Amino acid sequence: MSTQLAKIAEKARQDKKIQFTSLAHLMTPEFLQETWGMMNRKGASGVDGETTVQFEENLKERTEHLWARLRQNRYQAPPVRRVDIPKGNGKTRPLGIPTVEDRLVQRAVARIVEAIYEQDFLGLSYGFRPGRNPHMALQALRTCIVTKKVRHVFEADIRSYFNHINHEWLMKMVQQRIADPAILRLIGKWLRAGVMQQGVVTRNEEGTPQG
């Protein structure tokens, strides 16, 4: 599987305008099982209450059944379970916790998408990228300050960014590189899945859950 993703990454690197029309075929039961082995299996349960331990008990059968539903376009993205975590100053940050199964599908799609978009990102970008973390960003900043003539450091943040992502424009940007209908349908389902809090499901026209 890594070889196939490497080939996709190389195509994306060589041609910055290429659109990938056939990607969903990569999501075989073996690919899902391989993805499962890469995941953090200590995460909390989603709206269905299933744990990672329960899902893993019949991993082969579960991934085969999941693959069949994906292939037949019968997969339905469940709402995420919303929890609010403290972020200081009396404020909270809403997090969305997917079901274990949905988390696996999301991670599998993310592996494919990452292979393409990692070729477009700049080297100075560290946020939410595989193999990178905030400590690396701080080290790069320190190196820049120590070795170059730096007079100002600017810090900026987009207020409530994830709560106000425009679904239509997000999909338009994704389609610049990805034209596989099955992958686009899945992303659309996740955007529309909504969140569940205290048993009530809310679906928004904008924004996407963090988590």
C-alpha atoms as a PDB file:
ATOM      1  CA  MET A   1       0.000   0.000   0.000  1.00  0.00           C
ATOM      2  CA  SER A   2       2.836   2.374   0.797  1.00  0.00           C
ATOM      3  CA  THR A   3       4.161   1.828  -2.739  1.00  0.00           C
ATOM      4  CA  GLN A   4       0.835   2.879  -4.264  1.00  0.00           C
ATOM      5  CA  LEU A   5       0.673   5.984  -2.086  1.00  0.00           C
ATOM      6  CA  ALA A   6       4.268   6.789  -2.993  1.00  0.00           C
ATOM      7  CA  LYS A   7       3.373   6.644  -6.695  1.00  0.00           C
ATOM      8  CA  ILE A   8       0.438   8.995  -6.127  1.00  0.00           C
ATOM      9  CA  ALA A   9       2.673  11.359  -4.166  1.00  0.00           C
ATOM     10  CA  GLU A  10       5.254  11.368  -6.942  1.00  0.00           C
ATOM     11  CA  LYS A  11       2.599  12.168  -9.572  1.00  0.00           C
ATOM     12  CA  ALA A  12       1.300  14.999  -7.407  1.00  0.00           C
ATOM     13  CA  ARG A  13       4.828  16.347  -6.938  1.00  0.00           C
ATOM     14  CA  GLN A  14       5.622  16.280 -10.648  1.00  0.00           C
ATOM     15  CA  ASP A  15       2.353  17.818 -11.820  1.00  0.00           C
ATOM     16  CA  LYS A  16       0.887  20.524  -9.563  1.00  0.00           C
ATOM     17  CA  LYS A  17      -2.296  20.719 -11.638  1.00  0.00           C
ATOM     18  CA  ILE A  18      -3.145  17.055 -11.999  1.00  0.00           C
ATOM     19  CA  GLN A  19      -6.566  15.930 -10.694  1.00  0.00           C
ATOM     20  CA  PHE A  20      -6.783  12.417  -9.300  1.00  0.00           C
ATOM     21  CA  THR A  21      -9.937  10.722 -10.558  1.00  0.00           C
ATOM     22  CA  SER A  22      -9.382   7.201  -9.203  1.00  0.00           C
ATOM     23  CA  LEU A  23      -8.436   6.873  -5.541  1.00  0.00           C
ATOM     24  CA  ALA A  24     -11.213   5.020  -3.711  1.00  0.00           C
ATOM     25  CA  HIS A  25     -10.013   1.639  -5.040  1.00  0.00           C
ATOM     26  CA  LEU A  26      -7.071   1.952  -2.650  1.00  0.00           C
ATOM     27  CA  MET A  27      -9.394   1.513   0.332  1.00  0.00           C
ATOM     28  CA  THR A  28      -9.352  -2.275   0.388  1.00  0.00           C
ATOM     29  CA  PRO A  29      -9.814  -4.367   3.551  1.00  0.00           C
ATOM     30  CA  GLU A  30      -6.021  -4.706   3.695  1.00  0.00           C
ATOM     31  CA  PHE A  31      -5.578  -0.933   3.453  1.00  0.00           C
ATOM     32  CA  LEU A  32      -8.117  -0.423   6.245  1.00  0.00           C
ATOM     33  CA  GLN A  33      -6.357  -3.001   8.429  1.00  0.00           C
ATOM     34  CA  GLU A  34      -3.006  -1.370   7.725  1.00  0.00           C
ATOM     35  CA  THR A  35      -4.496   2.013   8.638  1.00  0.00           C
ATOM     36  CA  TRP A  36      -5.885   0.587  11.862  1.00  0.00           C
ATOM     37  CA  GLY A  37      -2.368  -0.410  12.890  1.00  0.00           C
ATOM     38  CA  MET A  38      -1.257   3.223  12.525  1.00  0.00           C
ATOM     39  CA  MET A  39      -4.025   4.692  14.663  1.00  0.00           C
ATOM     40  CA  ASN A  40      -4.079   5.744  18.300  1.00  0.00           C
ATOM     41  CA  ARG A  41      -6.376   3.135  19.788  1.00  0.00           C
ATOM     42  CA  LYS A  42      -6.761   4.871  23.150  1.00  0.00           C
ATOM     43  CA  GLY A  43      -9.365   7.342  21.910  1.00  0.00           C
ATOM     44  CA  ALA A  44     -12.793   7.771  23.491  1.00  0.00           C
ATOM     45  CA  SER A  45     -15.977   6.244  22.107  1.00  0.00           C
ATOM     46  CA  GLY A  46     -18.302   8.027  19.721  1.00  0.00           C
ATOM     47  CA  VAL A  47     -22.087   8.275  19.744  1.00  0.00           C
ATOM     48  CA  ASP A  48     -22.515   4.482  19.513  1.00  0.00           C
ATOM     49  CA  GLY A  49     -20.420   3.805  22.615  1.00  0.00           C
ATOM     50  CA  GLU A  50     -18.215   1.228  20.877  1.00  0.00           C
ATOM     51  CA  THR A  51     -14.616   1.049  22.084  1.00  0.00           C
ATOM     52  CA  THR A  52     -11.489   0.371  20.057  1.00  0.00           C
ATOM     53  CA  VAL A  53     -11.075  -2.909  21.951  1.00  0.00           C
ATOM     54  CA  GLN A  54     -14.519  -4.068  20.846  1.00  0.00           C
ATOM     55  CA  PHE A  55     -13.898  -3.054  17.231  1.00  0.00           C
ATOM     56  CA  GLU A  56     -10.542  -4.842  17.133  1.00  0.00           C
ATOM     57  CA  GLU A  57     -11.979  -8.135  18.389  1.00  0.00           C
ATOM     58  CA  ASN A  58     -13.265  -8.900  14.877  1.00  0.00           C
ATOM     59  CA  LEU A  59     -11.044  -6.580  12.878  1.00  0.00           C
ATOM     60  CA  LYS A  60     -10.891  -8.689   9.707  1.00  0.00           C
ATOM     61  CA  GLU A  61     -14.659  -9.168   9.499  1.00  0.00           C
ATOM     62  CA  ARG A  62     -15.371  -5.541  10.418  1.00  0.00           C
ATOM     63  CA  THR A  63     -13.017  -4.126   7.793  1.00  0.00           C
ATOM     64  CA  GLU A  64     -14.385  -6.439   5.107  1.00  0.00           C
ATOM     65  CA  HIS A  65     -17.961  -5.401   5.900  1.00  0.00           C
ATOM     66  CA  LEU A  66     -16.895  -1.757   6.016  1.00  0.00           C
ATOM     67  CA  TRP A  67     -15.154  -2.094   2.639  1.00  0.00           C
ATOM     68  CA  ALA A  68     -18.287  -3.592   1.098  1.00  0.00           C
ATOM     69  CA  ARG A  69     -20.428  -0.666   2.285  1.00  0.00           C
ATOM     70  CA  LEU A  70     -17.878   1.842   1.014  1.00  0.00           C
ATOM     71  CA  ARG A  71     -17.682   0.130  -2.383  1.00  0.00           C
ATOM     72  CA  GLN A  72     -21.483   0.105  -2.700  1.00  0.00           C
ATOM     73  CA  ASN A  73     -21.819   3.716  -1.505  1.00  0.00           C
ATOM     74  CA  ARG A  74     -23.858   2.549   1.503  1.00  0.00           C
ATOM     75  CA  TYR A  75     -21.597   4.034   4.157  1.00  0.00           C
ATOM     76  CA  GLN A  76     -23.325   6.637   6.312  1.00  0.00           C
ATOM     77  CA  ALA A  77     -21.216   9.023   8.387  1.00  0.00           C
ATOM     78  CA  PRO A  78     -22.652   9.190  11.921  1.00  0.00           C
ATOM     79  CA  PRO A  79     -22.698  12.456  13.890  1.00  0.00           C
ATOM     80  CA  VAL A  80     -19.716  13.079  16.153  1.00  0.00           C
ATOM     81  CA  ARG A  81     -20.075  13.205  19.920  1.00  0.00           C
ATOM     82  CA  ARG A  82     -19.349  16.719  21.119  1.00  0.00           C
ATOM     83  CA  VAL A  83     -17.416  17.422  24.303  1.00  0.00           C
ATOM     84  CA  ASP A  84     -16.216  20.779  25.567  1.00  0.00           C
ATOM     85  CA  ILE A  85     -12.719  20.965  27.042  1.00  0.00           C
ATOM     86  CA  PRO A  86     -11.355  23.915  29.058  1.00  0.00           C
ATOM     87  CA  LYS A  87      -8.949  26.213  27.217  1.00  0.00           C
ATOM     88  CA  GLY A  88      -8.295  28.788  29.947  1.00  0.00           C
ATOM     89  CA  ASN A  89      -9.918  32.064  30.957  1.00  0.00           C
ATOM     90  CA  GLY A  90     -13.188  30.273  31.564  1.00  0.00           C
ATOM     91  CA  LYS A  91     -13.566  29.411  27.881  1.00  0.00           C
ATOM     92  CA  THR A  92     -13.978  25.986  26.317  1.00  0.00           C
ATOM     93  CA  ARG A  93     -13.038  24.396  23.016  1.00  0.00           C
ATOM     94  CA  PRO A  94     -15.585  22.044  21.383  1.00  0.00           C
ATOM     95  CA  LEU A  95     -14.166  18.720  20.233  1.00  0.00           C
ATOM     96  CA  GLY A  96     -15.912  16.186  18.036  1.00  0.00           C
ATOM     97  CA  ILE A  97     -15.344  12.489  18.775  1.00  0.00           C
ATOM     98  CA  PRO A  98     -16.229  10.188  15.838  1.00  0.00           C
ATOM     99  CA  THR A  99     -17.234   6.562  16.260  1.00  0.00           C
ATOM    100  CA  VAL A 100     -14.341   4.118  16.097  1.00  0.00           C
ATOM    101  CA  GLU A 101     -15.415   2.865  12.673  1.00  0.00           C
ATOM    102  CA  ASP A 102     -15.796   6.376  11.287  1.00  0.00           C
ATOM    103  CA  ARG A 103     -12.421   7.329  12.723  1.00  0.00           C
ATOM    104  CA  LEU A 104     -10.879   4.471  10.741  1.00  0.00           C
ATOM    105  CA  VAL A 105     -12.514   5.583   7.479  1.00  0.00           C
ATOM    106  CA  GLN A 106     -11.462   9.188   8.088  1.00  0.00           C
ATOM    107  CA  ARG A 107      -7.876   8.139   8.741  1.00  0.00           C
ATOM    108  CA  ALA A 108      -7.802   5.952   5.616  1.00  0.00           C
ATOM    109  CA  VAL A 109      -9.029   8.838   3.458  1.00  0.00           C
ATOM    110  CA  ALA A 110      -6.592  11.172   5.191  1.00  0.00           C
ATOM    111  CA  ARG A 111      -3.671   8.911   4.207  1.00  0.00           C
ATOM    112  CA  ILE A 112      -4.676   9.173   0.555  1.00  0.00           C
ATOM    113  CA  VAL A 113      -5.318  12.914   0.686  1.00  0.00           C
ATOM    114  CA  GLU A 114      -2.052  13.539   2.540  1.00  0.00           C
ATOM    115  CA  ALA A 115      -0.067  11.757  -0.172  1.00  0.00           C
ATOM    116  CA  ILE A 116      -1.336  14.368  -2.639  1.00  0.00           C
ATOM    117  CA  TYR A 117      -1.441  17.575  -0.620  1.00  0.00           C
ATOM    118  CA  GLU A 118       1.852  17.050   1.185  1.00  0.00           C
ATOM    119  CA  GLN A 119       3.484  17.762  -2.182  1.00  0.00           C
ATOM    120  CA  ASP A 120       1.873  21.221  -2.278  1.00  0.00           C
ATOM    121  CA  PHE A 121       2.563  22.406   1.274  1.00  0.00           C
ATOM    122  CA  LEU A 122       5.532  24.646   2.011  1.00  0.00           C
ATOM    123  CA  GLY A 123       8.408  23.463   4.144  1.00  0.00           C
ATOM    124  CA  LEU A 124       7.770  26.204   6.687  1.00  0.00           C
ATOM    125  CA  SER A 125       4.265  24.852   7.406  1.00  0.00           C
ATOM    126  CA  TYR A 126       3.985  22.678  10.523  1.00  0.00           C
ATOM    127  CA  GLY A 127       0.314  22.599  11.543  1.00  0.00           C
ATOM    128  CA  PHE A 128      -1.606  19.299  11.397  1.00  0.00           C
ATOM    129  CA  ARG A 129       0.932  17.576   9.154  1.00  0.00           C
ATOM    130  CA  PRO A 130       2.292  14.023   9.455  1.00  0.00           C
ATOM    131  CA  GLY A 131       5.702  13.792  11.070  1.00  0.00           C
ATOM    132  CA  ARG A 132       5.574  17.413  12.293  1.00  0.00           C
ATOM    133  CA  ASN A 133       4.645  18.995  15.606  1.00  0.00           C
ATOM    134  CA  PRO A 134       4.686  22.351  17.436  1.00  0.00           C
ATOM    135  CA  HIS A 135       8.122  21.634  18.919  1.00  0.00           C
ATOM    136  CA  MET A 136       9.600  21.510  15.408  1.00  0.00           C
ATOM    137  CA  ALA A 137       7.949  24.829  14.581  1.00  0.00           C
ATOM    138  CA  LEU A 138       9.433  26.406  17.717  1.00  0.00           C
ATOM    139  CA  GLN A 139      12.873  25.004  16.861  1.00  0.00           C
ATOM    140  CA  ALA A 140      12.647  26.447  13.337  1.00  0.00           C
ATOM    141  CA  LEU A 141      11.626  29.797  14.789  1.00  0.00           C
ATOM    142  CA  ARG A 142      14.518  29.720  17.271  1.00  0.00           C
ATOM    143  CA  THR A 143      17.002  28.869  14.500  1.00  0.00           C
ATOM    144  CA  CYS A 144      15.697  31.753  12.406  1.00  0.00           C
ATOM    145  CA  ILE A 145      15.974  34.221  15.302  1.00  0.00           C
ATOM    146  CA  VAL A 146      19.485  33.085  16.229  1.00  0.00           C
ATOM    147  CA  THR A 147      20.970  32.945  12.726  1.00  0.00           C
ATOM    148  CA  LYS A 148      19.213  35.854  10.988  1.00  0.00           C
ATOM    149  CA  LYS A 149      18.481  39.500  11.645  1.00  0.00           C
ATOM    150  CA  VAL A 150      15.000  39.298  13.075  1.00  0.00           C
ATOM    151  CA  ARG A 151      13.403  42.439  14.473  1.00  0.00           C
ATOM    152  CA  HIS A 152       9.777  41.408  14.798  1.00  0.00           C
ATOM    153  CA  VAL A 153       7.818  38.212  15.415  1.00  0.00           C
ATOM    154  CA  PHE A 154       4.110  38.334  14.590  1.00  0.00           C
ATOM    155  CA  GLU A 155       1.544  36.001  16.086  1.00  0.00           C
ATOM    156  CA  ALA A 156      -1.917  35.753  14.526  1.00  0.00           C
ATOM    157  CA  ASP A 157      -4.964  33.575  15.009  1.00  0.00           C
ATOM    158  CA  ILE A 158      -8.261  33.253  13.135  1.00  0.00           C
ATOM    159  CA  ARG A 159     -11.078  33.489  15.645  1.00  0.00           C
ATOM    160  CA  SER A 160     -13.378  30.398  15.661  1.00  0.00           C
ATOM    161  CA  TYR A 161     -11.858  29.271  12.373  1.00  0.00           C
ATOM    162  CA  PHE A 162     -13.094  25.673  12.461  1.00  0.00           C
ATOM    163  CA  ASN A 163     -16.611  26.788  13.404  1.00  0.00           C
ATOM    164  CA  HIS A 164     -16.954  28.920  10.273  1.00  0.00           C
ATOM    165  CA  ILE A 165     -15.319  26.913   7.476  1.00  0.00           C
ATOM    166  CA  ASN A 166     -17.395  27.387   4.334  1.00  0.00           C
ATOM    167  CA  HIS A 167     -18.392  23.938   3.080  1.00  0.00           C
ATOM    168  CA  GLU A 168     -18.867  24.986  -0.525  1.00  0.00           C
ATOM    169  CA  TRP A 169     -15.476  26.661  -0.813  1.00  0.00           C
ATOM    170  CA  LEU A 170     -13.746  23.854   1.045  1.00  0.00           C
ATOM    171  CA  MET A 171     -15.084  21.332  -1.458  1.00  0.00           C
ATOM    172  CA  LYS A 172     -14.080  23.571  -4.369  1.00  0.00           C
ATOM    173  CA  MET A 173     -10.519  23.680  -3.048  1.00  0.00           C
ATOM    174  CA  VAL A 174     -10.387  19.918  -2.528  1.00  0.00           C
ATOM    175  CA  GLN A 175     -11.623  19.395  -6.096  1.00  0.00           C
ATOM    176  CA  GLN A 176      -8.617  21.248  -7.438  1.00  0.00           C
ATOM    177  CA  ARG A 177      -6.647  18.062  -6.822  1.00  0.00           C
ATOM    178  CA  ILE A 178      -9.201  15.335  -6.131  1.00  0.00           C
ATOM    179  CA  ALA A 179     -11.912  14.425  -8.630  1.00  0.00           C
ATOM    180  CA  ASP A 180     -12.796  10.936  -7.400  1.00  0.00           C
ATOM    181  CA  PRO A 181     -16.584  11.041  -6.747  1.00  0.00           C
ATOM    182  CA  ALA A 182     -16.393   8.424  -3.981  1.00  0.00           C
ATOM    183  CA  ILE A 183     -13.793  10.360  -1.981  1.00  0.00           C
ATOM    184  CA  LEU A 184     -15.654  13.640  -2.488  1.00  0.00           C
ATOM    185  CA  ARG A 185     -18.914  12.032  -1.339  1.00  0.00           C
ATOM    186  CA  LEU A 186     -17.277  10.820   1.848  1.00  0.00           C
ATOM    187  CA  ILE A 187     -15.868  14.261   2.652  1.00  0.00           C
ATOM    188  CA  GLY A 188     -19.287  15.770   1.974  1.00  0.00           C
ATOM    189  CA  LYS A 189     -20.932  13.256   4.307  1.00  0.00           C
ATOM    190  CA  TRP A 190     -18.541  14.165   7.122  1.00  0.00           C
ATOM    191  CA  LEU A 191     -19.217  17.865   6.653  1.00  0.00           C
ATOM    192  CA  ARG A 192     -22.980  17.252   6.874  1.00  0.00           C
ATOM    193  CA  ALA A 193     -22.925  14.606   9.633  1.00  0.00           C
ATOM    194  CA  GLY A 194     -23.410  17.116  12.441  1.00  0.00           C
ATOM    195  CA  VAL A 195     -22.685  16.798  16.151  1.00  0.00           C
ATOM    196  CA  MET A 196     -24.552  15.148  19.003  1.00  0.00           C
ATOM    197  CA  GLN A 197     -24.655  16.725  22.437  1.00  0.00           C
ATOM    198  CA  GLN A 198     -26.884  15.417  25.216  1.00  0.00           C
ATOM    199  CA  GLY A 199     -28.715  13.247  22.717  1.00  0.00           C
ATOM    200  CA  VAL A 200     -29.548  16.079  20.325  1.00  0.00           C
ATOM    201  CA  VAL A 201     -28.044  16.155  16.806  1.00  0.00           C
ATOM    202  CA  THR A 202     -27.259  19.561  15.315  1.00  0.00           C
ATOM    203  CA  ARG A 203     -26.316  19.992  11.663  1.00  0.00           C
ATOM    204  CA  ASN A 204     -24.726  23.234  10.548  1.00  0.00           C
ATOM    205  CA  GLU A 205     -24.326  24.824   7.147  1.00  0.00           C
ATOM    206  CA  GLU A 206     -20.755  25.819   7.981  1.00  0.00           C
ATOM    207  CA  GLY A 207     -17.879  24.676  10.152  1.00  0.00           C
ATOM    208  CA  THR A 208     -16.355  21.293  10.894  1.00  0.00           C
ATOM    209  CA  PRO A 209     -15.763  19.595  14.272  1.00  0.00           C
ATOM    210  CA  GLN A 210     -12.266  19.529  15.710  1.00  0.00           C
ATOM    211  CA  GLY A 211     -10.873  16.290  16.902  1.00  0.00           C
END
